[in-house]
Amino acid sequence: MPLRDHRLDRAKGILIFTVVLGHLLARTSAWESDVLRAPMYLIYSFHMPAFVFLAGITAKSNRLPERVLTFLVFLFTGLPMMWVWM
């Protein structure tokens, strides 16, 4: 029986905390505030891709390195293109 990797659990916990923080900041009209806009952009730019990445790591696959590389290529090419388009 494989041992549980607690680093993944901690990473998921931190990501859940950032989701809650992002929602709390959004309720305070953070997009109009110059001070709170930067943390909001930071949180919303990485937390969902990070969840997808962690889900991919924990998935059982014999092609895991290829899947991680594909995800990273998409992350560093697709997301910037999406931000430019928006």
N, C-alpha and C. Protein backbone atom coordinates (compact mmCIF):
# COMPACT_ATOMS: atom_id res chain seq x y z
N MET A 1 0.85 -1.18 0.00
CA MET A 1 0.00 0.00 0.00
C MET A 1 0.89 1.24 0.00
N PRO A 2 0.71 2.14 -0.99
CA PRO A 2 1.55 3.33 -1.06
C PRO A 2 1.25 4.29 0.09
N LEU A 3 2.30 4.98 0.52
CA LEU A 3 2.13 5.96 1.58
C LEU A 3 1.54 7.24 1.03
N ARG A 4 0.79 7.92 1.86
CA ARG A 4 0.16 9.17 1.46
C ARG A 4 1.20 10.29 1.50
N ASP A 5 1.22 11.12 0.47
CA ASP A 5 2.14 12.25 0.42
C ASP A 5 1.46 13.46 1.04
N HIS A 6 1.88 13.83 2.23
CA HIS A 6 1.23 14.92 2.95
C HIS A 6 1.55 16.29 2.35
N ARG A 7 2.59 16.37 1.54
CA ARG A 7 2.88 17.64 0.86
C ARG A 7 1.76 18.02 -0.10
N LEU A 8 1.17 17.02 -0.76
CA LEU A 8 0.05 17.30 -1.66
C LEU A 8 -1.17 17.78 -0.87
N ASP A 9 -1.39 17.17 0.31
CA ASP A 9 -2.50 17.60 1.15
C ASP A 9 -2.31 19.04 1.60
N ARG A 10 -1.08 19.39 1.99
CA ARG A 10 -0.80 20.77 2.42
C ARG A 10 -0.98 21.74 1.25
N ALA A 11 -0.53 21.35 0.08
CA ALA A 11 -0.68 22.22 -1.10
C ALA A 11 -2.16 22.44 -1.42
N LYS A 12 -2.95 21.39 -1.35
CA LYS A 12 -4.39 21.53 -1.60
C LYS A 12 -5.04 22.40 -0.54
N GLY A 13 -4.62 22.27 0.72
CA GLY A 13 -5.15 23.11 1.79
C GLY A 13 -4.83 24.58 1.57
N ILE A 14 -3.60 24.86 1.14
CA ILE A 14 -3.22 26.25 0.85
C ILE A 14 -4.04 26.79 -0.31
N LEU A 15 -4.25 25.96 -1.33
CA LEU A 15 -5.06 26.40 -2.48
C LEU A 15 -6.51 26.66 -2.07
N ILE A 16 -7.06 25.83 -1.22
CA ILE A 16 -8.43 26.05 -0.74
C ILE A 16 -8.50 27.36 0.03
N PHE A 17 -7.47 27.62 0.86
CA PHE A 17 -7.42 28.89 1.59
C PHE A 17 -7.39 30.07 0.63
N THR A 18 -6.61 29.97 -0.46
CA THR A 18 -6.55 31.08 -1.41
C THR A 18 -7.87 31.29 -2.14
N VAL A 19 -8.60 30.20 -2.38
CA VAL A 19 -9.93 30.33 -3.00
C VAL A 19 -10.86 31.10 -2.06
N VAL A 20 -10.86 30.72 -0.79
CA VAL A 20 -11.71 31.40 0.19
C VAL A 20 -11.29 32.87 0.31
N LEU A 21 -9.98 33.13 0.38
CA LEU A 21 -9.49 34.50 0.46
C LEU A 21 -9.90 35.30 -0.77
N GLY A 22 -9.79 34.70 -1.95
CA GLY A 22 -10.20 35.38 -3.17
C GLY A 22 -11.67 35.74 -3.16
N HIS A 23 -12.51 34.82 -2.68
CA HIS A 23 -13.95 35.10 -2.61
C HIS A 23 -14.24 36.19 -1.58
N LEU A 24 -13.52 36.18 -0.46
CA LEU A 24 -13.73 37.24 0.53
C LEU A 24 -13.30 38.59 -0.01
N LEU A 25 -12.17 38.62 -0.70
CA LEU A 25 -11.72 39.88 -1.29
C LEU A 25 -12.67 40.36 -2.37
N ALA A 26 -13.22 39.44 -3.13
CA ALA A 26 -14.17 39.82 -4.19
C ALA A 26 -15.43 40.45 -3.60
N ARG A 27 -15.82 40.02 -2.42
CA ARG A 27 -17.01 40.59 -1.78
C ARG A 27 -16.77 42.00 -1.29
N THR A 28 -15.50 42.40 -1.14
CA THR A 28 -15.18 43.75 -0.65
C THR A 28 -14.89 44.70 -1.80
N SER A 29 -15.30 44.38 -3.00
CA SER A 29 -15.07 45.19 -4.20
C SER A 29 -13.58 45.42 -4.43
N ALA A 30 -12.82 44.36 -4.37
CA ALA A 30 -11.36 44.46 -4.50
C ALA A 30 -10.93 44.85 -5.91
N TRP A 31 -11.76 44.60 -6.91
CA TRP A 31 -11.35 44.93 -8.28
C TRP A 31 -11.27 46.43 -8.49
N GLU A 32 -11.98 47.22 -7.68
CA GLU A 32 -11.90 48.67 -7.81
C GLU A 32 -10.76 49.26 -6.99
N SER A 33 -10.26 48.54 -6.02
CA SER A 33 -9.20 49.03 -5.14
C SER A 33 -7.83 48.72 -5.75
N ASP A 34 -6.98 49.74 -5.82
CA ASP A 34 -5.64 49.53 -6.37
C ASP A 34 -4.80 48.62 -5.49
N VAL A 35 -5.02 48.67 -4.19
CA VAL A 35 -4.23 47.87 -3.26
C VAL A 35 -4.61 46.40 -3.33
N LEU A 36 -5.90 46.10 -3.46
CA LEU A 36 -6.37 44.71 -3.44
C LEU A 36 -6.42 44.07 -4.83
N ARG A 37 -6.27 44.85 -5.88
CA ARG A 37 -6.35 44.29 -7.23
C ARG A 37 -5.20 43.32 -7.51
N ALA A 38 -3.98 43.65 -7.06
CA ALA A 38 -2.82 42.78 -7.31
C ALA A 38 -2.97 41.41 -6.67
N PRO A 39 -3.36 41.30 -5.38
CA PRO A 39 -3.56 39.96 -4.83
C PRO A 39 -4.68 39.19 -5.53
N MET A 40 -5.71 39.90 -5.97
CA MET A 40 -6.81 39.22 -6.66
C MET A 40 -6.32 38.64 -7.98
N TYR A 41 -5.56 39.41 -8.76
CA TYR A 41 -5.01 38.90 -10.01
C TYR A 41 -4.10 37.71 -9.75
N LEU A 42 -3.29 37.80 -8.71
CA LEU A 42 -2.38 36.71 -8.38
C LEU A 42 -3.16 35.44 -8.03
N ILE A 43 -4.14 35.57 -7.16
CA ILE A 43 -4.92 34.40 -6.74
C ILE A 43 -5.65 33.78 -7.93
N TYR A 44 -6.34 34.62 -8.71
CA TYR A 44 -7.15 34.09 -9.80
C TYR A 44 -6.33 33.63 -10.99
N SER A 45 -5.04 33.99 -11.04
CA SER A 45 -4.23 33.53 -12.17
C SER A 45 -3.62 32.16 -11.94
N PHE A 46 -3.54 31.70 -10.69
CA PHE A 46 -2.86 30.42 -10.49
C PHE A 46 -3.67 29.37 -9.75
N HIS A 47 -4.70 29.70 -9.00
CA HIS A 47 -5.26 28.68 -8.12
C HIS A 47 -6.00 27.57 -8.86
N MET A 48 -6.74 27.86 -9.90
CA MET A 48 -7.42 26.77 -10.62
C MET A 48 -6.45 25.92 -11.44
N PRO A 49 -5.49 26.52 -12.16
CA PRO A 49 -4.50 25.66 -12.83
C PRO A 49 -3.72 24.79 -11.84
N ALA A 50 -3.46 25.32 -10.65
CA ALA A 50 -2.74 24.52 -9.65
C ALA A 50 -3.60 23.35 -9.18
N PHE A 51 -4.90 23.56 -9.01
CA PHE A 51 -5.78 22.44 -8.65
C PHE A 51 -5.77 21.36 -9.73
N VAL A 52 -5.83 21.78 -10.98
CA VAL A 52 -5.80 20.82 -12.09
C VAL A 52 -4.47 20.07 -12.09
N PHE A 53 -3.39 20.79 -11.86
CA PHE A 53 -2.06 20.17 -11.82
C PHE A 53 -1.98 19.13 -10.70
N LEU A 54 -2.46 19.47 -9.50
CA LEU A 54 -2.41 18.51 -8.39
C LEU A 54 -3.33 17.32 -8.65
N ALA A 55 -4.45 17.54 -9.29
CA ALA A 55 -5.33 16.42 -9.62
C ALA A 55 -4.65 15.51 -10.63
N GLY A 56 -3.91 16.08 -11.56
CA GLY A 56 -3.19 15.27 -12.54
C GLY A 56 -2.06 14.49 -11.91
N ILE A 57 -1.40 15.06 -10.91
CA ILE A 57 -0.31 14.36 -10.23
C ILE A 57 -0.84 13.15 -9.48
N THR A 58 -1.99 13.32 -8.85
CA THR A 58 -2.53 12.23 -8.03
C THR A 58 -3.25 11.17 -8.86
N ALA A 59 -3.49 11.45 -10.14
CA ALA A 59 -4.13 10.46 -10.99
C ALA A 59 -3.16 9.32 -11.29
N LYS A 60 -3.66 8.13 -11.34
CA LYS A 60 -2.81 6.98 -11.64
C LYS A 60 -2.65 6.88 -13.15
N SER A 61 -1.41 6.93 -13.57
CA SER A 61 -1.13 6.85 -15.00
C SER A 61 0.30 6.41 -15.20
N ASN A 62 0.53 5.65 -16.25
CA ASN A 62 1.89 5.27 -16.57
C ASN A 62 2.55 6.32 -17.46
N ARG A 63 1.78 7.34 -17.89
CA ARG A 63 2.30 8.42 -18.71
C ARG A 63 2.32 9.74 -17.95
N LEU A 64 2.54 9.71 -16.65
CA LEU A 64 2.46 10.90 -15.83
C LEU A 64 3.46 11.98 -16.24
N PRO A 65 4.73 11.68 -16.52
CA PRO A 65 5.64 12.76 -16.93
C PRO A 65 5.19 13.48 -18.20
N GLU A 66 4.65 12.74 -19.16
CA GLU A 66 4.15 13.36 -20.38
C GLU A 66 2.96 14.27 -20.09
N ARG A 67 2.08 13.83 -19.21
CA ARG A 67 0.90 14.62 -18.87
C ARG A 67 1.29 15.89 -18.14
N VAL A 68 2.27 15.80 -17.23
CA VAL A 68 2.73 16.98 -16.49
C VAL A 68 3.38 17.96 -17.46
N LEU A 69 4.19 17.48 -18.37
CA LEU A 69 4.84 18.35 -19.35
C LEU A 69 3.81 19.03 -20.25
N THR A 70 2.81 18.29 -20.69
CA THR A 70 1.75 18.88 -21.52
C THR A 70 1.03 19.97 -20.76
N PHE A 71 0.72 19.72 -19.50
CA PHE A 71 0.04 20.72 -18.69
C PHE A 71 0.89 21.97 -18.53
N LEU A 72 2.18 21.80 -18.26
CA LEU A 72 3.06 22.96 -18.07
C LEU A 72 3.21 23.77 -19.36
N VAL A 73 3.28 23.08 -20.49
CA VAL A 73 3.35 23.79 -21.77
C VAL A 73 2.07 24.60 -21.98
N PHE A 74 0.93 24.02 -21.71
CA PHE A 74 -0.33 24.75 -21.83
C PHE A 74 -0.37 25.92 -20.85
N LEU A 75 0.08 25.69 -19.63
CA LEU A 75 0.03 26.72 -18.61
C LEU A 75 0.85 27.93 -19.00
N PHE A 76 2.04 27.71 -19.55
CA PHE A 76 2.92 28.82 -19.86
C PHE A 76 2.74 29.38 -21.27
N THR A 77 1.88 28.77 -22.08
CA THR A 77 1.59 29.34 -23.40
C THR A 77 0.12 29.72 -23.53
N GLY A 78 -0.77 28.85 -23.13
CA GLY A 78 -2.20 29.10 -23.30
C GLY A 78 -2.73 30.20 -22.41
N LEU A 79 -2.34 30.20 -21.15
CA LEU A 79 -2.86 31.22 -20.24
C LEU A 79 -2.39 32.63 -20.58
N PRO A 80 -1.10 32.83 -20.90
CA PRO A 80 -0.71 34.19 -21.30
C PRO A 80 -1.45 34.67 -22.56
N MET A 81 -1.67 33.76 -23.51
CA MET A 81 -2.41 34.14 -24.71
C MET A 81 -3.86 34.52 -24.35
N MET A 82 -4.44 33.79 -23.40
CA MET A 82 -5.80 34.11 -22.96
C MET A 82 -5.84 35.49 -22.30
N TRP A 83 -4.83 35.79 -21.47
CA TRP A 83 -4.79 37.09 -20.79
C TRP A 83 -4.62 38.22 -21.81
N VAL A 84 -3.81 38.02 -22.84
CA VAL A 84 -3.63 39.04 -23.87
C VAL A 84 -4.94 39.24 -24.63
N TRP A 85 -5.62 38.14 -24.94
CA TRP A 85 -6.88 38.23 -25.67
C TRP A 85 -7.95 38.97 -24.86
N MET A 86 -7.97 38.70 -23.56
CA MET A 86 -8.99 39.35 -22.72
C MET A 86 -8.64 40.80 -22.53
